[in-house]
C-alpha atoms as a PDB file:
ATOM      1  CA  UNK A   1      -0.676 -12.929   1.618  1.00  0.00           C
ATOM      2  CA  UNK A   2      -0.902  -9.313   0.633  1.00  0.00           C
ATOM      3  CA  UNK A   3       0.696  -6.089   1.777  1.00  0.00           C
ATOM      4  CA  UNK A   4      -0.862  -2.842   0.634  1.00  0.00           C
ATOM      5  CA  UNK A   5      -0.801   0.923   0.917  1.00  0.00           C
ATOM      6  CA  UNK A   6      -3.537   3.291  -0.204  1.00  0.00           C
ATOM      7  CA  UNK A   7      -5.268   6.617   0.177  1.00  0.00           C
ATOM      8  CA  UNK A   8      -4.241   8.898   2.996  1.00  0.00           C
ATOM      9  CA  UNK A   9      -0.972   7.092   3.846  1.00  0.00           C
ATOM     10  CA  UNK A  10      -2.563   3.884   5.121  1.00  0.00           C
ATOM     11  CA  UNK A  11      -0.482   0.715   5.198  1.00  0.00           C
ATOM     12  CA  UNK A  12      -1.419  -2.884   5.911  1.00  0.00           C
ATOM     13  CA  UNK A  13       1.431  -5.339   6.519  1.00  0.00           C
ATOM     14  CA  UNK A  14       1.566  -8.999   5.507  1.00  0.00           C
ATOM     15  CA  UNK A  15       0.905  -9.870   9.147  1.00  0.00           C
ATOM     16  CA  UNK A  16      -2.278  -7.785   9.234  1.00  0.00           C
ATOM     17  CA  UNK A  17      -1.231  -4.634  11.085  1.00  0.00           C
ATOM     18  CA  UNK A  18      -2.851  -1.493   9.721  1.00  0.00           C
ATOM     19  CA  UNK A  19      -1.031   1.772  10.361  1.00  0.00           C
ATOM     20  CA  UNK A  20      -0.569   5.341   9.178  1.00  0.00           C
ATOM     21  CA  UNK A  21       2.716   6.726   7.850  1.00  0.00           C
ATOM     22  CA  UNK A  22       2.869  10.053   5.981  1.00  0.00           C
ATOM     23  CA  UNK A  23       6.483  10.000   4.752  1.00  0.00           C
ATOM     24  CA  UNK A  24       7.425  11.587   1.423  1.00  0.00           C
ATOM     25  CA  UNK A  25      10.939  10.142   0.951  1.00  0.00           C
ATOM     26  CA  UNK A  26      11.812   6.975  -0.975  1.00  0.00           C
ATOM     27  CA  UNK A  27      11.152   3.936   1.209  1.00  0.00           C
ATOM     28  CA  UNK A  28      11.703   0.216   1.132  1.00  0.00           C
ATOM     29  CA  UNK A  29       8.107  -1.006   0.696  1.00  0.00           C
ATOM     30  CA  UNK A  30       9.069  -4.670   0.708  1.00  0.00           C
ATOM     31  CA  UNK A  31      12.329  -6.485   0.000  1.00  0.00           C
ATOM     32  CA  UNK A  32      13.719  -9.958   0.319  1.00  0.00           C
ATOM     33  CA  UNK A  33      16.123  -9.424   3.218  1.00  0.00           C
ATOM     34  CA  UNK A  34      18.122 -12.595   3.285  1.00  0.00           C
ATOM     35  CA  UNK A  35      21.771 -11.671   3.512  1.00  0.00           C
ATOM     36  CA  UNK A  36      23.173 -13.916   0.836  1.00  0.00           C
ATOM     37  CA  UNK A  37      21.028 -13.165  -2.185  1.00  0.00           C
ATOM     38  CA  UNK A  38      18.153 -10.748  -2.528  1.00  0.00           C
ATOM     39  CA  UNK A  39      15.592 -11.917  -5.072  1.00  0.00           C
ATOM     40  CA  UNK A  40      13.584  -8.703  -5.205  1.00  0.00           C
ATOM     41  CA  UNK A  41      12.961  -5.270  -3.758  1.00  0.00           C
ATOM     42  CA  UNK A  42      10.144  -2.724  -4.140  1.00  0.00           C
ATOM     43  CA  UNK A  43      10.737   0.931  -3.268  1.00  0.00           C
ATOM     44  CA  UNK A  44       8.084   3.644  -3.336  1.00  0.00           C
ATOM     45  CA  UNK A  45       8.064   7.416  -3.293  1.00  0.00           C
ATOM     46  CA  UNK A  46       4.947   9.412  -2.454  1.00  0.00           C
ATOM     47  CA  UNK A  47       4.291  13.051  -3.119  1.00  0.00           C
ATOM     48  CA  UNK A  48       1.404  15.449  -2.514  1.00  0.00           C
ATOM     49  CA  UNK A  49      -0.601  16.236  -5.660  1.00  0.00           C
ATOM     50  CA  UNK A  50      -2.198  19.564  -6.568  1.00  0.00           C
ATOM     51  CA  UNK A  51      -5.173  18.816  -4.288  1.00  0.00           C
ATOM     52  CA  UNK A  52      -2.760  18.181  -1.421  1.00  0.00           C
ATOM     53  CA  UNK A  53      -3.537  14.469  -1.400  1.00  0.00           C
ATOM     54  CA  UNK A  54      -0.767  11.872  -1.229  1.00  0.00           C
ATOM     55  CA  UNK A  55      -0.179   9.749  -4.305  1.00  0.00           C
ATOM     56  CA  UNK A  56       2.567   7.404  -5.379  1.00  0.00           C
ATOM     57  CA  UNK A  57       4.970   9.227  -7.669  1.00  0.00           C
ATOM     58  CA  UNK A  58       7.007   6.186  -8.672  1.00  0.00           C
ATOM     59  CA  UNK A  59       7.710   2.563  -7.772  1.00  0.00           C
ATOM     60  CA  UNK A  60      11.138   1.037  -8.265  1.00  0.00           C
ATOM     61  CA  UNK A  61      11.084  -2.750  -8.575  1.00  0.00           C
ATOM     62  CA  UNK A  62      14.207  -4.896  -8.747  1.00  0.00           C
ATOM     63  CA  UNK A  63      13.683  -8.555  -9.598  1.00  0.00           C
ATOM     64  CA  UNK A  64      16.994 -10.429  -9.599  1.00  0.00           C
ATOM     65  CA  UNK A  65      19.011  -8.257 -12.015  1.00  0.00           C
ATOM     66  CA  UNK A  66      16.086  -6.545 -13.707  1.00  0.00           C
ATOM     67  CA  UNK A  67      15.293  -2.970 -12.730  1.00  0.00           C
ATOM     68  CA  UNK A  68      11.726  -1.739 -13.440  1.00  0.00           C
ATOM     69  CA  UNK A  69      10.559   1.826 -12.861  1.00  0.00           C
ATOM     70  CA  UNK A  70       6.804   2.431 -12.792  1.00  0.00           C
ATOM     71  CA  UNK A  71       5.283   5.872 -13.145  1.00  0.00           C
ATOM     72  CA  UNK A  72       1.674   6.686 -14.055  1.00  0.00           C
ATOM     73  CA  UNK A  73       1.181   5.295 -17.585  1.00  0.00           C
ATOM     74  CA  UNK A  74       4.932   4.679 -18.041  1.00  0.00           C
ATOM     75  CA  UNK A  75       6.911   1.455 -17.629  1.00  0.00           C
ATOM     76  CA  UNK A  76      10.703   1.641 -17.824  1.00  0.00           C
ATOM     77  CA  UNK A  77      12.749  -1.571 -17.879  1.00  0.00           C
ATOM     78  CA  UNK A  78      16.530  -1.386 -17.578  1.00  0.00           C
ATOM     79  CA  UNK A  79      16.432   2.291 -18.498  1.00  0.00           C
ATOM     80  CA  UNK A  80      14.194   1.994 -21.582  1.00  0.00           C
ATOM     81  CA  UNK A  81      10.497   2.801 -21.855  1.00  0.00           C
ATOM     82  CA  UNK A  82       8.684  -0.381 -22.905  1.00  0.00           C
ATOM     83  CA  UNK A  83       5.258  -1.117 -24.335  1.00  0.00           C
ATOM     84  CA  UNK A  84       3.020  -3.429 -22.361  1.00  0.00           C
ATOM     85  CA  UNK A  85       2.236  -6.285 -22.264  1.00  0.00           C
ATOM     86  CA  UNK A  86       5.959  -6.903 -21.755  1.00  0.00           C
ATOM     87  CA  UNK A  87       7.690 -10.199 -20.993  1.00  0.00           C
ATOM     88  CA  UNK A  88      11.318 -10.849 -20.143  1.00  0.00           C
ATOM     89  CA  UNK A  89      13.037 -13.639 -18.176  1.00  0.00           C
ATOM     90  CA  UNK A  90      10.239 -14.610 -15.837  1.00  0.00           C
ATOM     91  CA  UNK A  91       8.710 -11.138 -15.467  1.00  0.00           C
ATOM     92  CA  UNK A  92       5.394 -10.218 -17.128  1.00  0.00           C
ATOM     93  CA  UNK A  93       4.125  -6.628 -17.004  1.00  0.00           C
ATOM     94  CA  UNK A  94       0.695  -5.543 -18.152  1.00  0.00           C
ATOM     95  CA  UNK A  95      -0.994  -2.197 -17.953  1.00  0.00           C
ATOM     96  CA  UNK A  96      -4.377  -0.685 -18.780  1.00  0.00           C
ATOM     97  CA  UNK A  97      -5.981   2.672 -18.039  1.00  0.00           C
ATOM     98  CA  UNK A  98      -6.309   1.882 -14.353  1.00  0.00           C
ATOM     99  CA  UNK A  99      -3.857  -0.772 -13.186  1.00  0.00           C
ATOM    100  CA  UNK A 100      -0.249  -1.666 -13.836  1.00  0.00           C
ATOM    101  CA  UNK A 101       0.509  -5.252 -12.814  1.00  0.00           C
ATOM    102  CA  UNK A 102       3.758  -7.203 -12.566  1.00  0.00           C
ATOM    103  CA  UNK A 103       3.809 -10.988 -12.313  1.00  0.00           C
ATOM    104  CA  UNK A 104       7.221 -12.405 -11.402  1.00  0.00           C
ATOM    105  CA  UNK A 105       8.061 -16.106 -11.532  1.00  0.00           C
ATOM    106  CA  UNK A 106      10.012 -15.816  -8.275  1.00  0.00           C
ATOM    107  CA  UNK A 107       6.623 -15.618  -6.508  1.00  0.00           C
ATOM    108  CA  UNK A 108       5.531 -12.005  -6.507  1.00  0.00           C
ATOM    109  CA  UNK A 109       2.518 -10.148  -7.935  1.00  0.00           C
ATOM    110  CA  UNK A 110       2.412  -6.352  -7.793  1.00  0.00           C
ATOM    111  CA  UNK A 111      -0.647  -4.270  -8.618  1.00  0.00           C
ATOM    112  CA  UNK A 112      -0.717  -0.458  -8.706  1.00  0.00           C
ATOM    113  CA  UNK A 113      -3.695   1.745  -9.610  1.00  0.00           C
ATOM    114  CA  UNK A 114      -1.268   4.386 -10.962  1.00  0.00           C
ATOM    115  CA  UNK A 115      -2.394   6.747  -8.218  1.00  0.00           C
ATOM    116  CA  UNK A 116      -2.551   6.068  -4.501  1.00  0.00           C
ATOM    117  CA  UNK A 117      -2.898   2.304  -4.092  1.00  0.00           C
ATOM    118  CA  UNK A 118      -0.264  -0.433  -4.292  1.00  0.00           C
ATOM    119  CA  UNK A 119      -0.689  -4.106  -3.422  1.00  0.00           C
ATOM    120  CA  UNK A 120       2.051  -6.759  -3.350  1.00  0.00           C
ATOM    121  CA  UNK A 121       1.359 -10.462  -2.975  1.00  0.00           C
ATOM    122  CA  UNK A 122       4.194 -12.850  -2.110  1.00  0.00           C
ATOM    123  CA  UNK A 123       4.712 -16.578  -2.176  1.00  0.00           C
ATOM    124  CA  UNK A 124       4.931 -18.137   1.292  1.00  0.00           C
ATOM    125  CA  UNK A 125       8.565 -19.096   0.609  1.00  0.00           C
ATOM    126  CA  UNK A 126       9.367 -15.513   1.645  1.00  0.00           C
ATOM    127  CA  UNK A 127       7.840 -16.031   5.129  1.00  0.00           C
ATOM    128  CA  UNK A 128      10.048 -14.430   7.748  1.00  0.00           C
ATOM    129  CA  UNK A 129      12.443 -13.156   5.062  1.00  0.00           C
ATOM    130  CA  UNK A 130      11.087  -9.726   4.178  1.00  0.00           C
ATOM    131  CA  UNK A 131      11.726  -6.247   5.508  1.00  0.00           C
ATOM    132  CA  UNK A 132      10.409  -2.762   4.793  1.00  0.00           C
ATOM    133  CA  UNK A 133       7.084  -1.023   5.345  1.00  0.00           C
ATOM    134  CA  UNK A 134       5.317  -4.363   4.782  1.00  0.00           C
ATOM    135  CA  UNK A 135       7.018  -5.959   7.789  1.00  0.00           C
ATOM    136  CA  UNK A 136       8.734  -9.319   8.165  1.00  0.00           C
ATOM    137  CA  UNK A 137       5.899 -11.623   6.998  1.00  0.00           C
ATOM    138  CA  UNK A 138       6.314 -13.967   9.973  1.00  0.00           C
ATOM    139  CA  UNK A 139       2.575 -14.301  10.562  1.00  0.00           C
ATOM    140  CA  UNK A 140       2.703 -12.524  13.913  1.00  0.00           C
ATOM    141  CA  UNK A 141       1.245  -9.000  14.075  1.00  0.00           C
ATOM    142  CA  UNK A 142       3.119  -6.220  15.916  1.00  0.00           C
ATOM    143  CA  UNK A 143       6.259  -8.248  16.697  1.00  0.00           C
ATOM    144  CA  UNK A 144       9.409  -7.188  14.846  1.00  0.00           C
ATOM    145  CA  UNK A 145       7.538  -4.317  13.241  1.00  0.00           C
ATOM    146  CA  UNK A 146       6.354  -2.274  16.204  1.00  0.00           C
ATOM    147  CA  UNK A 147       8.016  -4.268  18.983  1.00  0.00           C
ATOM    148  CA  UNK A 148      11.635  -5.400  18.730  1.00  0.00           C
ATOM    149  CA  UNK A 149      13.083  -7.012  21.836  1.00  0.00           C
ATOM    150  CA  UNK A 150      12.254  -4.598  24.648  1.00  0.00           C
ATOM    151  CA  UNK A 151      11.760  -1.610  22.379  1.00  0.00           C
ATOM    152  CA  UNK A 152       8.425  -0.520  20.986  1.00  0.00           C
ATOM    153  CA  UNK A 153       8.139   1.844  18.036  1.00  0.00           C
ATOM    154  CA  UNK A 154       5.242   3.985  16.975  1.00  0.00           C
ATOM    155  CA  UNK A 155       4.250   3.580  13.343  1.00  0.00           C
ATOM    156  CA  UNK A 156       5.940   6.796  12.223  1.00  0.00           C
ATOM    157  CA  UNK A 157       9.274   5.833  13.785  1.00  0.00           C
ATOM    158  CA  UNK A 158       8.925   2.416  12.116  1.00  0.00           C
ATOM    159  CA  UNK A 159       8.200   4.093   8.776  1.00  0.00           C
ATOM    160  CA  UNK A 160      11.134   6.498   9.027  1.00  0.00           C
ATOM    161  CA  UNK A 161      13.453   3.522   9.615  1.00  0.00           C
ATOM    162  CA  UNK A 162      12.557   2.223   6.132  1.00  0.00           C
ATOM    163  CA  UNK A 163      13.924   5.280   4.325  1.00  0.00           C
ATOM    164  CA  UNK A 164      16.346   4.619   1.488  1.00  0.00           C
ATOM    165  CA  UNK A 165      19.299   6.881   2.091  1.00  0.00           C
ATOM    166  CA  UNK A 166      20.213   8.685  -1.102  1.00  0.00           C
ATOM    167  CA  UNK A 167      23.117  11.117  -0.968  1.00  0.00           C
ATOM    168  CA  UNK A 168      21.384  13.955  -2.836  1.00  0.00           C
ATOM    169  CA  UNK A 169      17.808  13.446  -1.625  1.00  0.00           C
ATOM    170  CA  UNK A 170      16.386  16.336   0.324  1.00  0.00           C
ATOM    171  CA  UNK A 171      13.493  15.056   2.329  1.00  0.00           C
ATOM    172  CA  UNK A 172      12.564  15.298   5.959  1.00  0.00           C
ATOM    173  CA  UNK A 173      11.584  12.384   8.155  1.00  0.00           C
ATOM    174  CA  UNK A 174       7.899  12.356   9.055  1.00  0.00           C
ATOM    175  CA  UNK A 175       7.160  13.962  12.430  1.00  0.00           C
ATOM    176  CA  UNK A 176       6.988  11.200  15.038  1.00  0.00           C
ATOM    177  CA  UNK A 177       4.704  13.174  17.327  1.00  0.00           C
ATOM    178  CA  UNK A 178       2.109  13.595  14.602  1.00  0.00           C
ATOM    179  CA  UNK A 179      -0.744  11.525  15.993  1.00  0.00           C
ATOM    180  CA  UNK A 180      -4.023  11.185  14.163  1.00  0.00           C
ATOM    181  CA  UNK A 181      -6.969  12.888  15.844  1.00  0.00           C
ATOM    182  CA  UNK A 182      -9.757  10.826  17.336  1.00  0.00           C
ATOM    183  CA  UNK A 183     -12.426  10.719  14.680  1.00  0.00           C
ATOM    184  CA  UNK A 184     -15.353   9.106  16.415  1.00  0.00           C
ATOM    185  CA  UNK A 185     -17.787  11.618  14.943  1.00  0.00           C
ATOM    186  CA  UNK A 186     -17.429   9.826  11.602  1.00  0.00           C
ATOM    187  CA  UNK A 187     -17.930   6.269  12.836  1.00  0.00           C
ATOM    188  CA  UNK A 188     -21.615   5.991  11.906  1.00  0.00           C
ATOM    189  CA  UNK A 189     -21.130   7.200   8.362  1.00  0.00           C
ATOM    190  CA  UNK A 190     -18.098   4.966   7.741  1.00  0.00           C
ATOM    191  CA  UNK A 191     -19.838   1.954   9.216  1.00  0.00           C
ATOM    192  CA  UNK A 192     -22.902   2.600   7.045  1.00  0.00           C
ATOM    193  CA  UNK A 193     -20.797   2.864   3.869  1.00  0.00           C
ATOM    194  CA  UNK A 194     -18.737  -0.265   4.582  1.00  0.00           C
ATOM    195  CA  UNK A 195     -21.724  -2.404   5.567  1.00  0.00           C
ATOM    196  CA  UNK A 196     -23.849  -1.406   2.582  1.00  0.00           C
ATOM    197  CA  UNK A 197     -25.536  -4.301   0.730  1.00  0.00           C
ATOM    198  CA  UNK A 198     -22.898  -4.110  -2.024  1.00  0.00           C
ATOM    199  CA  UNK A 199     -20.304  -5.344   0.483  1.00  0.00           C
ATOM    200  CA  UNK A 200     -22.439  -8.145   1.970  1.00  0.00           C
ATOM    201  CA  UNK A 201     -20.043 -10.785   0.622  1.00  0.00           C
ATOM    202  CA  UNK A 202     -17.068  -9.063   2.268  1.00  0.00           C
ATOM    203  CA  UNK A 203     -18.196  -8.953   5.904  1.00  0.00           C
ATOM    204  CA  UNK A 204     -16.812 -12.322   6.968  1.00  0.00           C
ATOM    205  CA  UNK A 205     -13.706 -12.163   4.798  1.00  0.00           C
ATOM    206  CA  UNK A 206     -12.055  -9.030   6.134  1.00  0.00           C
ATOM    207  CA  UNK A 207     -11.513  -7.245   9.423  1.00  0.00           C
ATOM    208  CA  UNK A 208     -14.246  -4.632   9.023  1.00  0.00           C
ATOM    209  CA  UNK A 209     -13.167  -2.578  12.041  1.00  0.00           C
ATOM    210  CA  UNK A 210      -9.757  -1.812  10.488  1.00  0.00           C
ATOM    211  CA  UNK A 211     -11.375  -0.297   7.419  1.00  0.00           C
ATOM    212  CA  UNK A 212     -13.888   1.647   9.512  1.00  0.00           C
ATOM    213  CA  UNK A 213     -10.962   3.158  11.442  1.00  0.00           C
ATOM    214  CA  UNK A 214      -9.131   4.031   8.205  1.00  0.00           C
ATOM    215  CA  UNK A 215     -12.278   5.624   6.778  1.00  0.00           C
ATOM    216  CA  UNK A 216     -12.756   7.651   9.972  1.00  0.00           C
ATOM    217  CA  UNK A 217      -9.164   8.895   9.768  1.00  0.00           C
ATOM    218  CA  UNK A 218      -9.716   9.867   6.127  1.00  0.00           C
ATOM    219  CA  UNK A 219     -12.789  11.886   7.012  1.00  0.00           C
ATOM    220  CA  UNK A 220     -10.898  13.701   9.778  1.00  0.00           C
ATOM    221  CA  UNK A 221      -7.851  14.383   7.678  1.00  0.00           C
ATOM    222  CA  UNK A 222      -9.994  15.939   4.981  1.00  0.00           C
ATOM    223  CA  UNK A 223     -11.618  18.402   7.393  1.00  0.00           C
ATOM    224  CA  UNK A 224     -15.074  18.262   5.873  1.00  0.00           C
ATOM    225  CA  UNK A 225     -13.655  18.546   2.360  1.00  0.00           C
ATOM    226  CA  UNK A 226     -15.908  16.055   0.559  1.00  0.00           C
ATOM    227  CA  UNK A 227     -13.853  15.205  -2.484  1.00  0.00           C
ATOM    228  CA  UNK A 228     -13.815  11.658  -3.749  1.00  0.00           C
ATOM    229  CA  UNK A 229     -10.307  10.948  -2.445  1.00  0.00           C
ATOM    230  CA  UNK A 230     -11.434  11.412   1.156  1.00  0.00           C
ATOM    231  CA  UNK A 231     -14.421   9.180   0.846  1.00  0.00           C
ATOM    232  CA  UNK A 232     -13.547   6.648  -1.822  1.00  0.00           C
ATOM    233  CA  UNK A 233      -9.942   5.548  -1.364  1.00  0.00           C
ATOM    234  CA  UNK A 234     -10.582   3.311   1.655  1.00  0.00           C
ATOM    235  CA  UNK A 235     -13.835   1.966   0.144  1.00  0.00           C
ATOM    236  CA  UNK A 236     -11.882   1.099  -3.022  1.00  0.00           C
ATOM    237  CA  UNK A 237      -9.251  -0.694  -0.958  1.00  0.00           C
ATOM    238  CA  UNK A 238     -11.945  -2.613   0.954  1.00  0.00           C
ATOM    239  CA  UNK A 239     -13.453  -3.660  -2.352  1.00  0.00           C
ATOM    240  CA  UNK A 240     -10.060  -4.750  -3.784  1.00  0.00           C
ATOM    241  CA  UNK A 241      -9.155  -6.706  -0.635  1.00  0.00           C
ATOM    242  CA  UNK A 242     -12.574  -8.342  -0.657  1.00  0.00           C
ATOM    243  CA  UNK A 243     -12.127  -9.515  -4.267  1.00  0.00           C
ATOM    244  CA  UNK A 244      -8.659 -10.722  -3.409  1.00  0.00           C
ATOM    245  CA  UNK A 245     -10.058 -12.769  -0.512  1.00  0.00           C
ATOM    246  CA  UNK A 246     -12.476 -14.452  -2.928  1.00  0.00           C
ATOM    247  CA  UNK A 247     -15.451 -12.204  -2.221  1.00  0.00           C
ATOM    248  CA  UNK A 248     -17.665 -10.535  -4.789  1.00  0.00           C
ATOM    249  CA  UNK A 249     -18.286  -6.912  -3.966  1.00  0.00           C
ATOM    250  CA  UNK A 250     -21.390  -5.545  -5.681  1.00  0.00           C
ATOM    251  CA  UNK A 251     -21.671  -2.285  -7.561  1.00  0.00           C
ATOM    252  CA  UNK A 252     -20.994   0.272  -4.826  1.00  0.00           C
ATOM    253  CA  UNK A 253     -20.049   3.193  -7.048  1.00  0.00           C
ATOM    254  CA  UNK A 254     -22.858   5.302  -8.533  1.00  0.00           C
ATOM    255  CA  UNK A 255     -23.012   8.312 -10.894  1.00  0.00           C
ATOM    256  CA  UNK A 256     -23.056  10.594  -7.901  1.00  0.00           C
ATOM    257  CA  UNK A 257     -20.805   8.645  -5.540  1.00  0.00           C
ATOM    258  CA  UNK A 258     -17.100   7.826  -6.117  1.00  0.00           C
END
């Protein structure tokens, strides 16, 4: 099972909930939350780049006693910059021009495109043991993430609860009243893009409607600004998730598109 975040602050939990959270603090993306001994944790920090688009500034991964800091094109292990491929006590890190990947023997694979998109896959032994933006991995959508007991949270409240409190960090919680506009005007275009022949092998593998909604939100958020981030980040995620589910997306990028 996979948890991911991409593009314009979209998140998809292990249990399949897709939500929007625009926080720019450091957050617990996913951690092993058993009291006695935590095998791993993954923290992320987003920032807005020069085009005002969110991207992941750094990822902090702790696997048992090993601390790994990932930044674009830089891997730091236990405080030292290392060359990849790198291997040490059950942790293998590789990196090319696009992706940085970590394979950990404890049962975790992490893949980051060094920009906006992060995907973490966990062994099922962590079922019901995780916390953070990825949820509790109990196989049940909504419960324990957006509904706890009698209380229901909106996604921004849920996201703010995952903030890592750092004494000197100056960052505001995301505004909980900040709802996304209704973007129905973009439905036809998003549906056309995501059902193009290149994605024929993906239709039955993924929940198409979720990606259509994410694409519609992207188009709204970009206010008619047609740069590739607005159009391509959710299509890229759909393509990655399709491959991960065993599908074979065709060539959907062209010289003039994405």
